[in-house]
Amino acid sequence: MSMHLHHPSLSYNGKKKGKVKFRNAEEARKARELEASWKELQKKWDVEADDKKRKRAMSAEPLSYKLETPVGRTTTAHIPSRGDGVGSATMSAPKVYTGDKMLGIGQLHKSNAVPVFRSEDAHDIAKMRR
């Protein structure tokens, strides 16, 4: 899908809104008054959002990366591979049909193998349209 169909919160370049357009001068005046009263409230309660964010970011501990082996891996003993047929990972015997009821295997479409038990089934499979 195109990016213009996504919500702005899914964007990587921020959620900046454009310039606000008002219907008339009265609404613009009210918006300016509300913004000014909001700033006064923030100053009254001593909340400066930008300064607060800046102080928190500057007081944070810088990231440091250490490329070390995890603690548990250095003490793990070597576990030998069991390739001599001992244990539960041995290969099972191949499964082979030993009965006499099945005549063969027919192919209906591409890799769709079907067991054939009667000669009529074999004729039907052969006559099917491809």
N, C-alpha and C. Protein backbone atom coordinates (compact mmCIF):
# COMPACT_ATOMS: atom_id res chain seq x y z
N MET A 1 0.83 -1.19 0.00
CA MET A 1 0.00 0.00 0.00
C MET A 1 0.87 1.24 0.00
N SER A 2 0.29 2.29 -0.40
CA SER A 2 1.02 3.55 -0.43
C SER A 2 1.05 4.17 0.96
N MET A 3 2.11 4.91 1.21
CA MET A 3 2.27 5.52 2.53
C MET A 3 1.24 6.62 2.79
N HIS A 4 0.68 7.21 1.76
CA HIS A 4 -0.27 8.28 2.01
C HIS A 4 -1.59 7.76 2.59
N LEU A 5 -1.79 6.45 2.58
CA LEU A 5 -3.00 5.88 3.15
C LEU A 5 -2.85 5.53 4.62
N HIS A 6 -1.62 5.57 5.13
CA HIS A 6 -1.38 5.22 6.52
C HIS A 6 -1.58 6.41 7.44
N HIS A 7 -1.79 6.10 8.71
CA HIS A 7 -1.94 7.12 9.74
C HIS A 7 -0.58 7.77 10.00
N PRO A 8 -0.53 9.05 10.34
CA PRO A 8 0.75 9.72 10.58
C PRO A 8 1.58 9.08 11.70
N SER A 9 0.94 8.38 12.64
CA SER A 9 1.71 7.77 13.73
C SER A 9 2.57 6.61 13.24
N LEU A 10 2.27 6.08 12.05
CA LEU A 10 3.06 4.99 11.49
C LEU A 10 4.24 5.50 10.68
N SER A 11 4.37 6.79 10.60
CA SER A 11 5.43 7.39 9.81
C SER A 11 6.72 7.46 10.61
N TYR A 12 7.86 7.46 9.91
CA TYR A 12 9.16 7.55 10.57
C TYR A 12 9.61 8.99 10.74
N ASN A 13 8.99 9.92 10.08
CA ASN A 13 9.47 11.30 10.14
C ASN A 13 8.63 12.18 11.05
N GLY A 14 8.00 11.63 12.04
CA GLY A 14 7.32 12.43 13.05
C GLY A 14 5.84 12.63 12.77
N LYS A 15 5.21 13.35 13.67
CA LYS A 15 3.78 13.60 13.58
C LYS A 15 3.51 15.09 13.51
N LYS A 16 4.36 15.83 12.85
CA LYS A 16 4.21 17.28 12.82
C LYS A 16 2.96 17.66 12.04
N LYS A 17 2.20 18.54 12.64
CA LYS A 17 1.00 19.03 11.97
C LYS A 17 1.36 20.29 11.22
N GLY A 18 0.65 20.56 10.19
CA GLY A 18 0.90 21.77 9.41
C GLY A 18 0.31 22.98 10.10
N LYS A 19 0.38 24.11 9.42
CA LYS A 19 -0.15 25.35 9.94
C LYS A 19 -1.67 25.24 10.05
N VAL A 20 -2.21 25.69 11.19
CA VAL A 20 -3.64 25.58 11.44
C VAL A 20 -4.36 26.74 10.74
N LYS A 21 -5.39 26.38 9.98
CA LYS A 21 -6.21 27.41 9.33
C LYS A 21 -7.53 27.51 10.09
N PHE A 22 -7.94 28.73 10.33
CA PHE A 22 -9.19 28.95 11.05
C PHE A 22 -10.26 29.42 10.08
N ARG A 23 -11.51 29.19 10.48
CA ARG A 23 -12.63 29.58 9.65
C ARG A 23 -12.75 31.09 9.52
N ASN A 24 -12.52 31.77 10.65
CA ASN A 24 -12.63 33.23 10.63
C ASN A 24 -11.70 33.82 11.69
N ALA A 25 -11.65 35.13 11.77
CA ALA A 25 -10.75 35.82 12.69
C ALA A 25 -11.15 35.59 14.15
N GLU A 26 -12.42 35.43 14.40
CA GLU A 26 -12.89 35.21 15.77
C GLU A 26 -12.35 33.90 16.34
N GLU A 27 -12.40 32.84 15.54
CA GLU A 27 -11.87 31.56 16.00
C GLU A 27 -10.36 31.63 16.19
N ALA A 28 -9.67 32.34 15.34
CA ALA A 28 -8.22 32.50 15.48
C ALA A 28 -7.88 33.24 16.76
N ARG A 29 -8.66 34.26 17.09
CA ARG A 29 -8.44 35.03 18.31
C ARG A 29 -8.66 34.14 19.54
N LYS A 30 -9.75 33.34 19.52
CA LYS A 30 -10.03 32.45 20.64
C LYS A 30 -8.91 31.43 20.82
N ALA A 31 -8.40 30.90 19.73
CA ALA A 31 -7.32 29.92 19.81
C ALA A 31 -6.06 30.55 20.41
N ARG A 32 -5.76 31.80 20.01
CA ARG A 32 -4.59 32.49 20.57
C ARG A 32 -4.76 32.72 22.07
N GLU A 33 -5.97 33.10 22.48
CA GLU A 33 -6.24 33.32 23.90
C GLU A 33 -6.10 32.02 24.70
N LEU A 34 -6.63 30.94 24.17
CA LEU A 34 -6.51 29.65 24.85
C LEU A 34 -5.04 29.23 24.97
N GLU A 35 -4.27 29.42 23.92
CA GLU A 35 -2.85 29.07 23.95
C GLU A 35 -2.11 29.90 25.00
N ALA A 36 -2.45 31.21 25.06
CA ALA A 36 -1.79 32.08 26.04
C ALA A 36 -2.17 31.68 27.47
N SER A 37 -3.45 31.35 27.69
CA SER A 37 -3.87 30.95 29.04
C SER A 37 -3.21 29.62 29.43
N TRP A 38 -3.02 28.73 28.46
CA TRP A 38 -2.36 27.46 28.74
C TRP A 38 -0.91 27.69 29.14
N LYS A 39 -0.22 28.57 28.44
CA LYS A 39 1.17 28.89 28.77
C LYS A 39 1.25 29.50 30.18
N GLU A 40 0.28 30.37 30.53
CA GLU A 40 0.27 30.98 31.86
C GLU A 40 0.09 29.91 32.95
N LEU A 41 -0.81 28.94 32.70
CA LEU A 41 -1.00 27.86 33.67
C LEU A 41 0.28 27.05 33.85
N GLN A 42 0.97 26.78 32.76
CA GLN A 42 2.20 26.01 32.85
C GLN A 42 3.26 26.78 33.65
N LYS A 43 3.32 28.10 33.42
CA LYS A 43 4.29 28.91 34.18
C LYS A 43 3.90 28.98 35.65
N LYS A 44 2.60 29.06 35.92
CA LYS A 44 2.12 29.14 37.30
C LYS A 44 2.53 27.89 38.08
N TRP A 45 2.39 26.76 37.46
CA TRP A 45 2.72 25.50 38.12
C TRP A 45 4.16 25.06 37.84
N ASP A 46 4.93 25.93 37.26
CA ASP A 46 6.36 25.71 37.01
C ASP A 46 6.60 24.44 36.18
N VAL A 47 5.88 24.32 35.10
CA VAL A 47 6.06 23.19 34.19
C VAL A 47 6.52 23.73 32.85
N GLU A 48 7.78 23.56 32.57
CA GLU A 48 8.32 23.91 31.26
C GLU A 48 8.63 22.61 30.56
N ALA A 49 7.80 22.24 29.60
CA ALA A 49 7.90 20.92 28.97
C ALA A 49 9.24 20.74 28.27
N ASP A 50 9.67 21.74 27.52
CA ASP A 50 10.93 21.60 26.78
C ASP A 50 12.11 21.47 27.73
N ASP A 51 12.14 22.31 28.76
CA ASP A 51 13.25 22.24 29.71
C ASP A 51 13.25 20.91 30.46
N LYS A 52 12.05 20.45 30.83
CA LYS A 52 11.94 19.20 31.55
C LYS A 52 12.46 18.03 30.70
N LYS A 53 12.08 18.01 29.43
CA LYS A 53 12.54 16.95 28.54
C LYS A 53 14.05 17.03 28.36
N ARG A 54 14.55 18.22 28.19
CA ARG A 54 15.98 18.40 27.97
C ARG A 54 16.79 17.93 29.19
N LYS A 55 16.32 18.30 30.40
CA LYS A 55 17.02 17.90 31.62
C LYS A 55 17.02 16.39 31.78
N ARG A 56 15.88 15.78 31.50
CA ARG A 56 15.78 14.32 31.62
C ARG A 56 16.70 13.63 30.61
N ALA A 57 16.76 14.15 29.41
CA ALA A 57 17.61 13.55 28.38
C ALA A 57 19.08 13.71 28.72
N MET A 58 19.45 14.87 29.25
CA MET A 58 20.86 15.11 29.56
C MET A 58 21.30 14.33 30.80
N SER A 59 20.38 14.03 31.72
CA SER A 59 20.76 13.30 32.93
C SER A 59 20.76 11.79 32.72
N ALA A 60 20.26 11.33 31.59
CA ALA A 60 20.22 9.89 31.33
C ALA A 60 21.63 9.35 31.10
N GLU A 61 21.81 8.12 31.52
CA GLU A 61 23.11 7.47 31.35
C GLU A 61 23.29 7.09 29.88
N PRO A 62 24.44 7.39 29.29
CA PRO A 62 24.63 7.04 27.88
C PRO A 62 24.69 5.52 27.70
N LEU A 63 24.28 5.06 26.53
CA LEU A 63 24.27 3.64 26.25
C LEU A 63 25.69 3.13 26.06
N SER A 64 25.95 1.95 26.56
CA SER A 64 27.26 1.33 26.36
C SER A 64 27.03 -0.12 25.95
N TYR A 65 27.79 -0.56 24.98
CA TYR A 65 27.64 -1.90 24.45
C TYR A 65 28.86 -2.73 24.82
N LYS A 66 28.62 -3.95 25.28
CA LYS A 66 29.70 -4.86 25.64
C LYS A 66 29.52 -6.15 24.85
N LEU A 67 30.52 -6.50 24.08
CA LEU A 67 30.47 -7.73 23.31
C LEU A 67 31.20 -8.81 24.11
N GLU A 68 30.44 -9.53 24.91
CA GLU A 68 31.00 -10.57 25.75
C GLU A 68 30.16 -11.83 25.62
N THR A 69 30.75 -12.94 25.98
CA THR A 69 30.03 -14.21 26.01
C THR A 69 29.11 -14.21 27.22
N PRO A 70 27.86 -14.65 27.08
CA PRO A 70 26.97 -14.72 28.23
C PRO A 70 27.54 -15.60 29.33
N VAL A 71 27.14 -15.36 30.55
CA VAL A 71 27.72 -16.01 31.72
C VAL A 71 27.58 -17.53 31.66
N GLY A 72 26.43 -18.05 31.31
CA GLY A 72 26.20 -19.49 31.35
C GLY A 72 26.92 -20.27 30.27
N ARG A 73 27.37 -19.64 29.22
CA ARG A 73 27.94 -20.38 28.09
C ARG A 73 29.38 -20.81 28.32
N THR A 74 30.12 -20.11 29.10
CA THR A 74 31.52 -20.46 29.30
C THR A 74 31.66 -21.68 30.20
N THR A 75 30.67 -21.96 31.05
CA THR A 75 30.78 -23.07 31.98
C THR A 75 30.10 -24.34 31.47
N THR A 76 29.45 -24.31 30.31
CA THR A 76 28.75 -25.47 29.79
C THR A 76 29.76 -26.51 29.29
N ALA A 77 29.61 -27.74 29.73
CA ALA A 77 30.50 -28.81 29.28
C ALA A 77 30.15 -29.19 27.85
N HIS A 78 31.10 -29.70 27.13
CA HIS A 78 30.87 -30.12 25.74
C HIS A 78 29.96 -31.34 25.73
N ILE A 79 28.93 -31.31 24.92
CA ILE A 79 27.99 -32.42 24.81
C ILE A 79 28.30 -33.14 23.51
N PRO A 80 28.76 -34.39 23.55
CA PRO A 80 29.14 -35.10 22.32
C PRO A 80 27.91 -35.49 21.50
N SER A 81 28.09 -35.57 20.21
CA SER A 81 27.03 -35.99 19.31
C SER A 81 26.89 -37.51 19.38
N ARG A 82 25.66 -37.99 19.28
CA ARG A 82 25.42 -39.43 19.36
C ARG A 82 25.11 -39.97 17.96
N GLY A 83 26.12 -40.24 17.17
CA GLY A 83 25.92 -40.72 15.82
C GLY A 83 26.07 -42.22 15.68
N ASP A 84 26.28 -42.93 16.77
CA ASP A 84 26.53 -44.37 16.68
C ASP A 84 25.26 -45.21 16.86
N GLY A 85 24.08 -44.60 16.78
CA GLY A 85 22.83 -45.35 16.89
C GLY A 85 22.34 -45.51 18.31
N VAL A 86 22.99 -44.88 19.27
CA VAL A 86 22.58 -44.96 20.66
C VAL A 86 21.74 -43.73 20.97
N GLY A 87 20.63 -43.91 21.63
CA GLY A 87 19.80 -42.77 22.02
C GLY A 87 18.51 -42.70 21.22
N SER A 88 17.81 -41.61 21.34
CA SER A 88 16.49 -41.48 20.72
C SER A 88 16.53 -40.82 19.35
N ALA A 89 17.69 -40.47 18.86
CA ALA A 89 17.77 -39.75 17.60
C ALA A 89 18.18 -40.66 16.44
N THR A 90 17.96 -41.94 16.58
CA THR A 90 18.34 -42.84 15.50
C THR A 90 17.32 -42.76 14.38
N MET A 91 17.75 -43.10 13.18
CA MET A 91 16.87 -43.03 12.03
C MET A 91 15.97 -44.27 12.00
N SER A 92 14.70 -44.05 11.78
CA SER A 92 13.78 -45.17 11.75
C SER A 92 13.88 -45.89 10.41
N ALA A 93 13.41 -47.11 10.37
CA ALA A 93 13.45 -47.88 9.13
C ALA A 93 12.49 -47.27 8.12
N PRO A 94 12.84 -47.26 6.84
CA PRO A 94 11.94 -46.67 5.83
C PRO A 94 10.64 -47.46 5.75
N LYS A 95 9.53 -46.74 5.57
CA LYS A 95 8.22 -47.36 5.51
C LYS A 95 7.96 -47.82 4.06
N VAL A 96 7.70 -49.10 3.91
CA VAL A 96 7.50 -49.70 2.59
C VAL A 96 6.19 -50.48 2.61
N TYR A 97 5.40 -50.33 1.54
CA TYR A 97 4.14 -51.06 1.45
C TYR A 97 4.45 -52.50 1.06
N THR A 98 4.00 -53.45 1.88
CA THR A 98 4.31 -54.87 1.64
C THR A 98 3.07 -55.67 1.26
N GLY A 99 1.90 -55.00 1.15
CA GLY A 99 0.67 -55.72 0.82
C GLY A 99 0.55 -55.99 -0.67
N ASP A 100 -0.56 -56.66 -1.06
CA ASP A 100 -0.78 -56.98 -2.48
C ASP A 100 -2.07 -56.38 -3.01
N LYS A 101 -2.75 -55.53 -2.23
CA LYS A 101 -4.01 -54.91 -2.67
C LYS A 101 -3.76 -53.73 -3.61
N MET A 102 -2.70 -52.98 -3.38
CA MET A 102 -2.45 -51.78 -4.19
C MET A 102 -1.73 -52.18 -5.48
N LEU A 103 -2.28 -51.69 -6.62
CA LEU A 103 -1.66 -52.00 -7.91
C LEU A 103 -0.51 -51.06 -8.24
N GLY A 104 -0.65 -49.82 -7.81
CA GLY A 104 0.41 -48.85 -8.12
C GLY A 104 0.02 -47.46 -7.64
N ILE A 105 0.72 -46.47 -8.18
CA ILE A 105 0.48 -45.08 -7.81
C ILE A 105 0.15 -44.30 -9.06
N GLY A 106 -1.00 -43.61 -9.04
CA GLY A 106 -1.39 -42.78 -10.17
C GLY A 106 -1.16 -41.32 -9.83
N GLN A 107 -1.04 -40.53 -10.91
CA GLN A 107 -0.79 -39.10 -10.70
C GLN A 107 -1.94 -38.31 -11.30
N LEU A 108 -2.72 -37.64 -10.43
CA LEU A 108 -3.86 -36.87 -10.90
C LEU A 108 -3.43 -35.54 -11.48
N HIS A 109 -2.71 -34.76 -10.73
CA HIS A 109 -2.30 -33.43 -11.20
C HIS A 109 -0.98 -33.05 -10.55
N LYS A 110 -0.01 -32.73 -11.34
CA LYS A 110 1.33 -32.31 -10.90
C LYS A 110 1.88 -33.29 -9.87
N SER A 111 1.99 -32.91 -8.62
CA SER A 111 2.61 -33.80 -7.64
C SER A 111 1.58 -34.48 -6.75
N ASN A 112 0.37 -34.65 -7.23
CA ASN A 112 -0.69 -35.27 -6.45
C ASN A 112 -0.69 -36.78 -6.73
N ALA A 113 0.04 -37.53 -5.93
CA ALA A 113 0.11 -38.98 -6.11
C ALA A 113 -1.07 -39.64 -5.40
N VAL A 114 -1.70 -40.61 -6.11
CA VAL A 114 -2.89 -41.28 -5.58
C VAL A 114 -2.66 -42.79 -5.66
N PRO A 115 -2.94 -43.52 -4.57
CA PRO A 115 -2.79 -44.97 -4.68
C PRO A 115 -3.90 -45.57 -5.55
N VAL A 116 -3.55 -46.55 -6.35
CA VAL A 116 -4.51 -47.21 -7.23
C VAL A 116 -4.71 -48.62 -6.74
N PHE A 117 -5.99 -48.97 -6.43
CA PHE A 117 -6.30 -50.29 -5.91
C PHE A 117 -7.01 -51.16 -6.94
N ARG A 118 -7.66 -50.54 -7.93
CA ARG A 118 -8.37 -51.32 -8.96
C ARG A 118 -7.91 -50.85 -10.32
N SER A 119 -8.02 -51.70 -11.31
CA SER A 119 -7.60 -51.31 -12.67
C SER A 119 -8.55 -50.25 -13.23
N GLU A 120 -9.82 -50.25 -12.78
CA GLU A 120 -10.78 -49.23 -13.22
C GLU A 120 -10.31 -47.84 -12.78
N ASP A 121 -9.78 -47.75 -11.55
CA ASP A 121 -9.27 -46.47 -11.06
C ASP A 121 -8.12 -45.99 -11.92
N ALA A 122 -7.27 -46.90 -12.33
CA ALA A 122 -6.14 -46.52 -13.19
C ALA A 122 -6.63 -46.00 -14.52
N HIS A 123 -7.67 -46.64 -15.10
CA HIS A 123 -8.23 -46.17 -16.38
C HIS A 123 -8.87 -44.80 -16.21
N ASP A 124 -9.59 -44.59 -15.09
CA ASP A 124 -10.25 -43.31 -14.83
C ASP A 124 -9.21 -42.18 -14.70
N ILE A 125 -8.14 -42.47 -13.99
CA ILE A 125 -7.09 -41.45 -13.83
C ILE A 125 -6.45 -41.12 -15.16
N ALA A 126 -6.27 -42.14 -16.00
CA ALA A 126 -5.64 -41.93 -17.32
C ALA A 126 -6.54 -41.13 -18.24
N LYS A 127 -7.88 -41.30 -18.12
CA LYS A 127 -8.82 -40.60 -19.00
C LYS A 127 -9.14 -39.18 -18.53
N MET A 128 -8.75 -38.83 -17.31
CA MET A 128 -9.08 -37.48 -16.79
C MET A 128 -8.43 -36.40 -17.62
N ARG A 129 -9.17 -35.31 -17.78
CA ARG A 129 -8.64 -34.16 -18.54
C ARG A 129 -7.58 -33.47 -17.77
N ARG A 130 -6.56 -33.04 -18.47
CA ARG A 130 -5.48 -32.31 -17.81
C ARG A 130 -5.58 -30.85 -18.14
